[in-house]
Structure formats: structure tokens, C-alpha cells
């Protein structure tokens, strides 16, 4: 299943993230792909707000991984922008995060590790889109390849339809 959404602004991107937070649960893995400056961290910030994270979210480009308390869950925000090879991925001990059902794991630059994650995951691909109006927008493509994520995307779609008039 695939859903495409056109975000008109950073605030809109953040709100879409908040809406997705209503459809995810502990143990979920989200892989964020796309260009630098595409809105991945902005989306994750909205998702974190929806999960009741009170800390400011920043991209962990230099530290690679940040953890945030999200109620009884933990939001694990990983950024593999500086990852050079799969050896580094394995040395981080990522398994202890992705196999913990009390974690929601968000991985920026997920395309670098997609083939090494053997659990169901959602792929979110961010692309720049400039229409005739000259406004720089983002197309966000949510892609699932499993019935588990198909169900979650259906729930997400219902949440978006319900809140459509609010953004």
C-alpha cells in the first residue's frame, strides 16, 4: 500500500507527523528517505509531539542516536547521514533498539540500512516539489510492503480524512 501527501509548509509536515503518531505503537520502525533538507526531522518533531515527547527534537547527525521519553514508550531517533558502511550500522548495536517493543524507532537516511532491517517497517520518502505557484513543497510517500503496515496506513488515512479541514 502507498499513500502520497503533498505538504505545503514545515508546519503542515509537522502536523502530518503528529497525525501518524496516532496510528503507530511500540515496536514500530519508520525509515525516512530523501534529500537533505527534505523535512524528515520536521516530520519526526511532529510525530514526537503527538507521542507527548516534551523535549525539543533535533537531528542527531553528529551523535547518530537520540532517545526521548514518550509516555511508557521511548522514541529512538537515529540519523545515518554520516554512516559510511554497514559495519558502522552493526557496531552501533541497533538490534537492541529495533527489537525492543517499547521503542518507536525513526531512522533518517533509512535507504542506507533498509536491506539490513529484517522487521516490518514503514518507508517515508521525502521529495521536493515546486509547482507552477513557485512554492517549494514536499511530496511525502508512505510505502508499506506488509499487511501490518497496510492496516496502520489505513488507520492513518482515516485520521487524516477526519482532520482534513484543520490544515
C-alpha atoms as a PDB file:
ATOM      1  CA  UNK A   1       0.000   0.000   0.000  1.00  0.00           C
ATOM      2  CA  UNK A   2       1.157   3.511  -0.734  1.00  0.00           C
ATOM      3  CA  UNK A   3      -0.089   6.945   0.302  1.00  0.00           C
ATOM      4  CA  UNK A   4       1.167  10.213  -1.201  1.00  0.00           C
ATOM      5  CA  UNK A   5       0.721  13.530   0.593  1.00  0.00           C
ATOM      6  CA  UNK A   6       1.746  16.990  -0.573  1.00  0.00           C
ATOM      7  CA  UNK A   7       2.954  19.130   2.318  1.00  0.00           C
ATOM      8  CA  UNK A   8       2.683  22.860   1.740  1.00  0.00           C
ATOM      9  CA  UNK A   9       4.875  24.040   4.646  1.00  0.00           C
ATOM     10  CA  UNK A  10       7.053  22.894   7.561  1.00  0.00           C
ATOM     11  CA  UNK A  11       4.037  23.340   9.864  1.00  0.00           C
ATOM     12  CA  UNK A  12       1.976  21.091   7.619  1.00  0.00           C
ATOM     13  CA  UNK A  13       4.769  18.481   7.564  1.00  0.00           C
ATOM     14  CA  UNK A  14       4.889  18.543  11.362  1.00  0.00           C
ATOM     15  CA  UNK A  15       1.113  18.141  11.588  1.00  0.00           C
ATOM     16  CA  UNK A  16       1.206  15.121   9.280  1.00  0.00           C
ATOM     17  CA  UNK A  17       3.789  13.616  11.631  1.00  0.00           C
ATOM     18  CA  UNK A  18       1.528  14.264  14.612  1.00  0.00           C
ATOM     19  CA  UNK A  19      -1.354  12.523  12.841  1.00  0.00           C
ATOM     20  CA  UNK A  20       0.811   9.476  12.086  1.00  0.00           C
ATOM     21  CA  UNK A  21       1.631   9.253  15.810  1.00  0.00           C
ATOM     22  CA  UNK A  22      -1.993   8.241  16.390  1.00  0.00           C
ATOM     23  CA  UNK A  23      -1.547   5.158  14.202  1.00  0.00           C
ATOM     24  CA  UNK A  24       1.757   3.794  15.499  1.00  0.00           C
ATOM     25  CA  UNK A  25       2.677   1.747  18.560  1.00  0.00           C
ATOM     26  CA  UNK A  26       5.704   0.411  20.397  1.00  0.00           C
ATOM     27  CA  UNK A  27       7.903  -1.808  18.264  1.00  0.00           C
ATOM     28  CA  UNK A  28       7.250   0.172  15.077  1.00  0.00           C
ATOM     29  CA  UNK A  29      10.137   1.081  12.780  1.00  0.00           C
ATOM     30  CA  UNK A  30       9.982   4.009  10.365  1.00  0.00           C
ATOM     31  CA  UNK A  31      12.637   4.574   7.708  1.00  0.00           C
ATOM     32  CA  UNK A  32      12.918   8.152   6.445  1.00  0.00           C
ATOM     33  CA  UNK A  33      14.448   8.604   2.997  1.00  0.00           C
ATOM     34  CA  UNK A  34      15.016  11.617   0.785  1.00  0.00           C
ATOM     35  CA  UNK A  35      17.120  14.629   0.145  1.00  0.00           C
ATOM     36  CA  UNK A  36      18.956  16.765   2.669  1.00  0.00           C
ATOM     37  CA  UNK A  37      16.560  19.418   3.974  1.00  0.00           C
ATOM     38  CA  UNK A  38      13.552  17.446   2.771  1.00  0.00           C
ATOM     39  CA  UNK A  39      11.588  17.688   6.022  1.00  0.00           C
ATOM     40  CA  UNK A  40      12.465  14.415   7.736  1.00  0.00           C
ATOM     41  CA  UNK A  41      13.410  15.941  11.097  1.00  0.00           C
ATOM     42  CA  UNK A  42      10.431  18.323  10.952  1.00  0.00           C
ATOM     43  CA  UNK A  43       8.130  15.340  10.433  1.00  0.00           C
ATOM     44  CA  UNK A  44       9.745  13.440  13.317  1.00  0.00           C
ATOM     45  CA  UNK A  45       9.294  16.518  15.554  1.00  0.00           C
ATOM     46  CA  UNK A  46       5.557  16.456  14.837  1.00  0.00           C
ATOM     47  CA  UNK A  47       5.439  12.726  15.443  1.00  0.00           C
ATOM     48  CA  UNK A  48       7.227  13.262  18.779  1.00  0.00           C
ATOM     49  CA  UNK A  49       4.739  15.948  19.837  1.00  0.00           C
ATOM     50  CA  UNK A  50       1.908  13.538  19.054  1.00  0.00           C
ATOM     51  CA  UNK A  51       3.631  10.952  21.258  1.00  0.00           C
ATOM     52  CA  UNK A  52       3.798  13.522  24.101  1.00  0.00           C
ATOM     53  CA  UNK A  53       7.578  13.985  23.934  1.00  0.00           C
ATOM     54  CA  UNK A  54       8.334  17.241  25.746  1.00  0.00           C
ATOM     55  CA  UNK A  55      11.986  17.621  24.667  1.00  0.00           C
ATOM     56  CA  UNK A  56      12.967  19.581  21.578  1.00  0.00           C
ATOM     57  CA  UNK A  57      13.777  17.229  18.716  1.00  0.00           C
ATOM     58  CA  UNK A  58      16.942  17.825  16.749  1.00  0.00           C
ATOM     59  CA  UNK A  59      18.643  15.752  14.124  1.00  0.00           C
ATOM     60  CA  UNK A  60      21.267  13.530  15.744  1.00  0.00           C
ATOM     61  CA  UNK A  61      23.638  13.902  12.757  1.00  0.00           C
ATOM     62  CA  UNK A  62      26.766  14.039  14.896  1.00  0.00           C
ATOM     63  CA  UNK A  63      25.748  11.762  17.771  1.00  0.00           C
ATOM     64  CA  UNK A  64      23.845   9.362  15.470  1.00  0.00           C
ATOM     65  CA  UNK A  65      21.169   8.477  18.050  1.00  0.00           C
ATOM     66  CA  UNK A  66      18.868  10.324  20.478  1.00  0.00           C
ATOM     67  CA  UNK A  67      16.305   8.778  22.838  1.00  0.00           C
ATOM     68  CA  UNK A  68      13.201  10.568  24.098  1.00  0.00           C
ATOM     69  CA  UNK A  69      10.665   9.536  26.716  1.00  0.00           C
ATOM     70  CA  UNK A  70       7.229   9.194  25.102  1.00  0.00           C
ATOM     71  CA  UNK A  71       4.928   8.175  27.956  1.00  0.00           C
ATOM     72  CA  UNK A  72       5.545   4.482  28.591  1.00  0.00           C
ATOM     73  CA  UNK A  73       7.361   4.241  25.272  1.00  0.00           C
ATOM     74  CA  UNK A  74      10.650   5.576  24.009  1.00  0.00           C
ATOM     75  CA  UNK A  75      11.153   7.410  20.726  1.00  0.00           C
ATOM     76  CA  UNK A  76      14.535   6.456  19.279  1.00  0.00           C
ATOM     77  CA  UNK A  77      15.687   8.931  16.619  1.00  0.00           C
ATOM     78  CA  UNK A  78      18.631   7.698  14.555  1.00  0.00           C
ATOM     79  CA  UNK A  79      20.391   9.654  11.802  1.00  0.00           C
ATOM     80  CA  UNK A  80      22.661   7.707   9.445  1.00  0.00           C
ATOM     81  CA  UNK A  81      23.674  10.689   7.298  1.00  0.00           C
ATOM     82  CA  UNK A  82      27.311  10.228   8.316  1.00  0.00           C
ATOM     83  CA  UNK A  83      27.213   6.425   8.099  1.00  0.00           C
ATOM     84  CA  UNK A  84      29.895   5.192   5.710  1.00  0.00           C
ATOM     85  CA  UNK A  85      29.231   1.481   5.685  1.00  0.00           C
ATOM     86  CA  UNK A  86      27.191  -1.322   7.135  1.00  0.00           C
ATOM     87  CA  UNK A  87      29.960  -2.111   9.646  1.00  0.00           C
ATOM     88  CA  UNK A  88      29.149   1.146  11.434  1.00  0.00           C
ATOM     89  CA  UNK A  89      25.471   0.210  11.455  1.00  0.00           C
ATOM     90  CA  UNK A  90      26.216  -3.101  13.131  1.00  0.00           C
ATOM     91  CA  UNK A  91      28.643  -1.546  15.644  1.00  0.00           C
ATOM     92  CA  UNK A  92      26.002   0.853  16.986  1.00  0.00           C
ATOM     93  CA  UNK A  93      24.054  -2.053  18.476  1.00  0.00           C
ATOM     94  CA  UNK A  94      20.946  -1.124  16.541  1.00  0.00           C
ATOM     95  CA  UNK A  95      19.388  -4.534  17.212  1.00  0.00           C
ATOM     96  CA  UNK A  96      18.762  -3.675  20.855  1.00  0.00           C
ATOM     97  CA  UNK A  97      16.647  -0.731  19.693  1.00  0.00           C
ATOM     98  CA  UNK A  98      14.715  -2.239  16.788  1.00  0.00           C
ATOM     99  CA  UNK A  99      13.763  -5.432  18.628  1.00  0.00           C
ATOM    100  CA  UNK A 100      12.514  -3.655  21.758  1.00  0.00           C
ATOM    101  CA  UNK A 101       8.707  -3.396  21.692  1.00  0.00           C
ATOM    102  CA  UNK A 102       8.801  -0.359  23.994  1.00  0.00           C
ATOM    103  CA  UNK A 103      10.606   1.665  21.301  1.00  0.00           C
ATOM    104  CA  UNK A 104       9.337   3.547  18.303  1.00  0.00           C
ATOM    105  CA  UNK A 105      12.360   3.778  16.016  1.00  0.00           C
ATOM    106  CA  UNK A 106      12.742   6.549  13.427  1.00  0.00           C
ATOM    107  CA  UNK A 107      15.765   6.213  11.145  1.00  0.00           C
ATOM    108  CA  UNK A 108      16.772   9.145   8.937  1.00  0.00           C
ATOM    109  CA  UNK A 109      18.650   8.139   5.794  1.00  0.00           C
ATOM    110  CA  UNK A 110      16.918   4.776   6.092  1.00  0.00           C
ATOM    111  CA  UNK A 111      17.775   3.918   2.500  1.00  0.00           C
ATOM    112  CA  UNK A 112      21.322   3.193   3.739  1.00  0.00           C
ATOM    113  CA  UNK A 113      20.140   0.396   6.047  1.00  0.00           C
ATOM    114  CA  UNK A 114      16.820  -0.741   4.564  1.00  0.00           C
ATOM    115  CA  UNK A 115      18.206  -4.060   3.333  1.00  0.00           C
ATOM    116  CA  UNK A 116      19.569  -4.932   6.773  1.00  0.00           C
ATOM    117  CA  UNK A 117      16.374  -4.457   8.775  1.00  0.00           C
ATOM    118  CA  UNK A 118      14.516  -7.743   8.764  1.00  0.00           C
ATOM    119  CA  UNK A 119      11.427  -6.499  10.625  1.00  0.00           C
ATOM    120  CA  UNK A 120       8.341  -4.941   9.082  1.00  0.00           C
ATOM    121  CA  UNK A 121       8.884  -1.225   8.630  1.00  0.00           C
ATOM    122  CA  UNK A 122       7.292   1.782   7.015  1.00  0.00           C
ATOM    123  CA  UNK A 123       9.222   3.759   4.408  1.00  0.00           C
ATOM    124  CA  UNK A 124       8.625   7.507   4.206  1.00  0.00           C
ATOM    125  CA  UNK A 125      10.218   9.129   1.160  1.00  0.00           C
ATOM    126  CA  UNK A 126      10.505  12.933   1.040  1.00  0.00           C
ATOM    127  CA  UNK A 127      10.866  14.718  -2.304  1.00  0.00           C
ATOM    128  CA  UNK A 128      10.992  18.418  -3.194  1.00  0.00           C
ATOM    129  CA  UNK A 129       8.168  19.563  -5.435  1.00  0.00           C
ATOM    130  CA  UNK A 130       7.863  23.031  -6.943  1.00  0.00           C
ATOM    131  CA  UNK A 131       4.559  23.653  -8.679  1.00  0.00           C
ATOM    132  CA  UNK A 132       3.574  26.465 -11.003  1.00  0.00           C
ATOM    133  CA  UNK A 133       2.984  28.717  -7.995  1.00  0.00           C
ATOM    134  CA  UNK A 134       6.730  28.703  -7.228  1.00  0.00           C
ATOM    135  CA  UNK A 135       6.177  27.485  -3.672  1.00  0.00           C
ATOM    136  CA  UNK A 136       8.595  24.781  -2.554  1.00  0.00           C
ATOM    137  CA  UNK A 137       6.503  21.881  -1.277  1.00  0.00           C
ATOM    138  CA  UNK A 138       7.305  18.348  -0.163  1.00  0.00           C
ATOM    139  CA  UNK A 139       5.781  15.183  -1.510  1.00  0.00           C
ATOM    140  CA  UNK A 140       5.801  12.517   1.192  1.00  0.00           C
ATOM    141  CA  UNK A 141       5.284   8.947   0.011  1.00  0.00           C
ATOM    142  CA  UNK A 142       4.391   6.363   2.670  1.00  0.00           C
ATOM    143  CA  UNK A 143       5.159   2.834   1.457  1.00  0.00           C
ATOM    144  CA  UNK A 144       4.249  -0.452   3.097  1.00  0.00           C
ATOM    145  CA  UNK A 145       5.076  -3.934   1.978  1.00  0.00           C
ATOM    146  CA  UNK A 146       3.280  -5.845   4.724  1.00  0.00           C
ATOM    147  CA  UNK A 147      -0.279  -6.351   5.942  1.00  0.00           C
ATOM    148  CA  UNK A 148       0.798  -4.982   9.346  1.00  0.00           C
ATOM    149  CA  UNK A 149       1.737  -1.587   7.888  1.00  0.00           C
ATOM    150  CA  UNK A 150      -1.147  -1.664   5.393  1.00  0.00           C
ATOM    151  CA  UNK A 151      -3.524  -1.691   8.389  1.00  0.00           C
ATOM    152  CA  UNK A 152      -1.651   1.156  10.059  1.00  0.00           C
ATOM    153  CA  UNK A 153      -1.699   3.217   6.867  1.00  0.00           C
ATOM    154  CA  UNK A 154      -5.455   2.653   6.540  1.00  0.00           C
ATOM    155  CA  UNK A 155      -5.879   3.958  10.093  1.00  0.00           C
ATOM    156  CA  UNK A 156      -3.602   6.919   9.301  1.00  0.00           C
ATOM    157  CA  UNK A 157      -5.666   7.702   6.196  1.00  0.00           C
ATOM    158  CA  UNK A 158      -8.872   7.747   8.295  1.00  0.00           C
ATOM    159  CA  UNK A 159      -7.213  10.091  10.811  1.00  0.00           C
ATOM    160  CA  UNK A 160      -6.147  12.436   8.003  1.00  0.00           C
ATOM    161  CA  UNK A 161      -9.617  12.419   6.435  1.00  0.00           C
ATOM    162  CA  UNK A 162     -11.151  13.284   9.801  1.00  0.00           C
ATOM    163  CA  UNK A 163      -8.736  16.188  10.313  1.00  0.00           C
ATOM    164  CA  UNK A 164      -8.651  17.332   6.692  1.00  0.00           C
ATOM    165  CA  UNK A 165     -10.328  20.649   7.421  1.00  0.00           C
ATOM    166  CA  UNK A 166      -7.850  21.523  10.172  1.00  0.00           C
ATOM    167  CA  UNK A 167      -4.872  22.296   7.936  1.00  0.00           C
END
